[in-house]
Amino acid sequence: MDRIFQFGFLAFTSLFTMVTPFGIIPYFTSLTKNMTHKEVQRIAFKGVLTAFIIMVLFAFAGNFIFEFFHISVNGLRIVGGILFFLSGYDMLQAKMNRLKEEGQSFSEFVNEFAITPLGIPIICGPGSITMTIVLFNDARNYSEKAILFGIIIVVLFTTYLILVGSRTILKVLGDNGNKVLMRIMGLILMVIAVELMFAGLKPMIQEMMGK
């Protein structure tokens, strides 16, 4: 029972901090400020659904990717840890540098942004995909895998609610409150990143010492 609780808690905190729904609020509200509430709901749902499909696909395709490219789970943990640490550092500085791709015009950015870049890579970025693959491989049985998919649904549904209510949340939190919240999540993400890197390094070092 303790293992399931720990796994579920790790899955929720890791995925929630990688998705960073509160960090998306200023960006999302700026692009939907002239839209009706129904249009905002439709765009948020489409973005979240896109993210869910991508995360589930990568969870199931993770092992195939490992075998095809001869990648080890421990190697992915280390790379993922580095990626999470850098993302956490950006969040600690109250930055969101993954929102807009360089050279992309505003009209192109807005056009069909519910799927991309909102669904992927903003809601479901490289960090979320990597963490989904790692957690799916760490799940020891079908119960833990089911918990993981349940957590993905909970995180993305929470993200949907936050995006739909983003205008109200932004008014309550204010710009400074939003930055403080982003920094807290960034700090949590950096701690998870360190744990993830050591989880990948430890078996590698033990294997080298054994040889």
Protein backbone atom coordinates (compact mmCIF):
# COMPACT_ATOMS: atom_id res chain seq x y z
CA MET A 1 0.00 0.00 0.00
CA ASP A 2 2.87 2.38 0.85
CA ARG A 3 4.52 1.65 -2.50
CA ILE A 4 1.29 2.44 -4.39
CA PHE A 5 0.80 5.68 -2.43
CA GLN A 6 4.41 6.75 -3.01
CA PHE A 7 4.17 5.91 -6.71
CA GLY A 8 0.89 7.81 -7.08
CA PHE A 9 2.24 10.84 -5.20
CA LEU A 10 5.45 10.88 -7.28
CA ALA A 11 3.45 10.54 -10.51
CA PHE A 12 1.12 13.41 -9.59
CA THR A 13 3.79 15.84 -8.39
CA SER A 14 6.11 15.05 -11.31
CA LEU A 15 3.50 15.37 -14.04
CA PHE A 16 1.77 18.38 -12.47
CA THR A 17 5.01 20.32 -12.17
CA MET A 18 6.04 19.39 -15.72
CA VAL A 19 2.69 20.45 -17.19
CA THR A 20 2.78 23.65 -15.06
CA PRO A 21 -0.87 24.65 -15.65
CA PHE A 22 -0.52 27.83 -13.57
CA GLY A 23 2.51 28.86 -15.62
CA ILE A 24 0.44 28.62 -18.81
CA ILE A 25 -2.23 31.03 -17.51
CA PRO A 26 -0.69 34.38 -18.64
CA TYR A 27 0.04 32.98 -22.11
CA PHE A 28 -3.38 31.33 -22.46
CA THR A 29 -5.34 34.38 -21.32
CA SER A 30 -3.41 36.69 -23.65
CA LEU A 31 -4.34 34.57 -26.68
CA THR A 32 -7.97 34.01 -25.68
CA LYS A 33 -8.81 37.48 -24.32
CA ASN A 34 -11.15 38.28 -27.25
CA MET A 35 -12.86 34.87 -27.22
CA THR A 36 -16.13 33.83 -25.60
CA HIS A 37 -16.22 31.45 -22.62
CA LYS A 38 -17.45 28.61 -24.86
CA GLU A 39 -14.57 29.16 -27.28
CA VAL A 40 -12.12 29.13 -24.37
CA GLN A 41 -13.64 25.85 -23.14
CA ARG A 42 -13.38 24.29 -26.61
CA ILE A 43 -9.76 25.31 -27.08
CA ALA A 44 -8.77 24.16 -23.56
CA PHE A 45 -10.48 20.78 -24.07
CA LYS A 46 -8.84 20.26 -27.48
CA GLY A 47 -5.41 21.10 -26.05
CA VAL A 48 -5.81 18.79 -23.05
CA LEU A 49 -7.15 15.95 -25.22
CA THR A 50 -4.16 16.29 -27.56
CA ALA A 51 -1.79 16.13 -24.57
CA PHE A 52 -3.57 13.03 -23.21
CA ILE A 53 -3.32 11.15 -26.53
CA ILE A 54 0.40 11.96 -26.88
CA MET A 55 1.23 10.94 -23.30
CA VAL A 56 -0.66 7.63 -23.58
CA LEU A 57 0.95 6.82 -26.94
CA PHE A 58 4.45 7.43 -25.57
CA ALA A 59 3.69 5.42 -22.41
CA PHE A 60 2.84 2.34 -24.49
CA ALA A 61 5.48 2.98 -27.16
CA GLY A 62 8.24 3.62 -24.62
CA ASN A 63 9.60 0.07 -24.55
CA PHE A 64 9.61 -0.11 -28.36
CA ILE A 65 11.57 3.16 -28.48
CA PHE A 66 14.09 1.79 -25.95
CA GLU A 67 14.60 -1.41 -27.93
CA PHE A 68 14.72 0.27 -31.34
CA PHE A 69 17.28 2.92 -30.33
CA HIS A 70 19.04 0.72 -27.72
CA ILE A 71 18.25 3.19 -24.96
CA SER A 72 18.26 2.18 -21.30
CA VAL A 73 15.68 3.38 -18.79
CA ASN A 74 18.50 4.56 -16.51
CA GLY A 75 19.95 6.65 -19.33
CA LEU A 76 16.52 8.23 -19.87
CA ARG A 77 16.26 8.93 -16.13
CA ILE A 78 19.57 10.83 -16.20
CA VAL A 79 18.72 12.82 -19.34
CA GLY A 80 15.19 13.41 -18.04
CA GLY A 81 16.60 14.58 -14.70
CA ILE A 82 18.84 17.10 -16.46
CA LEU A 83 15.91 18.29 -18.58
CA PHE A 84 13.66 18.63 -15.52
CA PHE A 85 16.39 20.47 -13.60
CA LEU A 86 16.78 23.04 -16.41
CA SER A 87 12.98 23.43 -16.67
CA GLY A 88 12.75 23.82 -12.90
CA TYR A 89 15.50 26.45 -12.95
CA ASP A 90 13.61 28.43 -15.60
CA MET A 91 10.47 28.22 -13.49
CA LEU A 92 12.45 29.32 -10.43
CA GLN A 93 13.39 32.42 -12.43
CA ALA A 94 9.68 32.81 -13.36
CA LYS A 95 10.41 32.12 -17.04
CA MET A 96 8.40 30.05 -19.50
CA ASN A 97 10.72 29.85 -22.50
CA ARG A 98 8.92 26.92 -24.10
CA LEU A 99 5.83 28.88 -25.03
CA LYS A 100 6.68 30.25 -28.45
CA GLU A 101 9.03 28.92 -31.06
CA GLU A 102 11.61 31.26 -32.52
CA GLY A 103 10.77 32.79 -35.88
CA GLN A 104 7.07 32.01 -35.58
CA SER A 105 4.72 34.89 -36.44
CA PHE A 106 1.82 35.74 -34.14
CA SER A 107 -0.82 34.79 -36.75
CA GLU A 108 0.80 31.37 -37.26
CA PHE A 109 1.10 30.96 -33.51
CA VAL A 110 -2.61 31.60 -32.91
CA ASN A 111 -3.81 29.48 -35.86
CA GLU A 112 -4.86 26.08 -34.56
CA PHE A 113 -2.84 26.63 -31.39
CA ALA A 114 -5.20 24.35 -29.43
CA ILE A 115 -3.36 21.32 -30.86
CA THR A 116 0.02 22.91 -31.29
CA PRO A 117 1.60 24.59 -29.45
CA LEU A 118 -1.00 24.40 -26.64
CA GLY A 119 -1.55 20.62 -26.63
CA ILE A 120 2.04 19.89 -27.58
CA PRO A 121 4.59 21.12 -26.55
CA ILE A 122 3.11 23.49 -23.92
CA ILE A 123 0.87 21.11 -21.96
CA CYS A 124 2.67 17.96 -23.10
CA GLY A 125 6.31 18.88 -23.65
CA PRO A 126 9.49 16.79 -23.76
CA GLY A 127 9.61 16.71 -19.96
CA SER A 128 6.05 15.39 -19.59
CA ILE A 129 6.66 12.76 -22.28
CA THR A 130 9.93 11.63 -20.69
CA MET A 131 8.39 11.45 -17.21
CA THR A 132 5.41 9.45 -18.56
CA ILE A 133 7.74 6.89 -20.17
CA VAL A 134 9.89 6.60 -17.02
CA LEU A 135 6.87 6.23 -14.70
CA PHE A 136 5.25 3.65 -16.98
CA ASN A 137 8.46 1.59 -16.90
CA ASP A 138 8.78 2.03 -13.13
CA ALA A 139 5.23 0.71 -12.60
CA ARG A 140 5.67 -2.83 -11.27
CA ASN A 141 2.19 -4.17 -12.01
CA TYR A 142 -1.09 -3.40 -13.75
CA SER A 143 -2.42 -1.64 -10.64
CA GLU A 144 0.39 0.92 -10.72
CA LYS A 145 0.01 1.36 -14.48
CA ALA A 146 -3.71 1.99 -13.96
CA ILE A 147 -2.87 4.51 -11.22
CA LEU A 148 -0.49 6.27 -13.62
CA PHE A 149 -3.19 6.66 -16.27
CA GLY A 150 -5.60 7.81 -13.58
CA ILE A 151 -3.06 10.43 -12.46
CA ILE A 152 -2.58 11.59 -16.08
CA ILE A 153 -6.36 12.09 -16.36
CA VAL A 154 -6.50 13.94 -13.01
CA VAL A 155 -3.57 16.23 -13.92
CA LEU A 156 -4.95 17.03 -17.36
CA PHE A 157 -8.50 17.53 -16.07
CA THR A 158 -7.11 19.89 -13.42
CA THR A 159 -5.21 21.67 -16.20
CA TYR A 160 -8.46 22.00 -18.18
CA LEU A 161 -10.28 23.53 -15.18
CA ILE A 162 -7.40 25.94 -14.56
CA LEU A 163 -7.31 27.04 -18.20
CA VAL A 164 -11.09 27.53 -18.34
CA GLY A 165 -10.95 29.61 -15.16
CA SER A 166 -7.64 31.29 -16.07
CA ARG A 167 -9.07 34.81 -16.29
CA THR A 168 -10.52 34.62 -12.78
CA ILE A 169 -7.39 32.95 -11.37
CA LEU A 170 -5.13 35.62 -12.90
CA LYS A 171 -7.23 38.36 -11.31
CA VAL A 172 -7.06 36.68 -7.87
CA LEU A 173 -3.36 35.74 -7.95
CA GLY A 174 -2.09 38.74 -9.84
CA ASP A 175 1.15 38.69 -11.78
CA ASN A 176 3.32 38.47 -8.65
CA GLY A 177 1.27 35.65 -7.13
CA ASN A 178 1.52 33.68 -10.36
CA LYS A 179 5.32 34.11 -10.40
CA VAL A 180 5.63 32.99 -6.76
CA LEU A 181 3.56 29.88 -7.49
CA MET A 182 5.68 29.12 -10.56
CA ARG A 183 8.89 29.43 -8.48
CA ILE A 184 7.57 27.01 -5.85
CA MET A 185 6.73 24.44 -8.54
CA GLY A 186 10.15 25.02 -10.10
CA LEU A 187 11.86 24.23 -6.78
CA ILE A 188 9.83 21.02 -6.41
CA LEU A 189 10.72 20.04 -9.97
CA MET A 190 14.46 20.57 -9.34
CA VAL A 191 14.29 18.27 -6.28
CA ILE A 192 12.52 15.59 -8.35
CA ALA A 193 15.16 16.06 -11.07
CA VAL A 194 18.03 15.38 -8.63
CA GLU A 195 16.28 12.25 -7.30
CA LEU A 196 15.68 11.06 -10.87
CA MET A 197 19.33 11.57 -11.91
CA PHE A 198 20.63 9.64 -8.90
CA ALA A 199 18.08 6.86 -9.55
CA GLY A 200 19.62 6.49 -13.01
CA LEU A 201 23.26 6.91 -11.95
CA LYS A 202 23.20 4.45 -9.03
CA PRO A 203 22.56 1.22 -11.02
CA MET A 204 25.00 2.34 -13.73
CA ILE A 205 27.78 2.91 -11.17
CA GLN A 206 26.98 -0.42 -9.46
CA GLU A 207 27.17 -2.17 -12.82
CA MET A 208 30.55 -0.57 -13.59
CA MET A 209 31.90 -1.44 -10.13
CA GLY A 210 30.70 -5.01 -10.55
CA LYS A 211 32.63 -5.28 -13.81
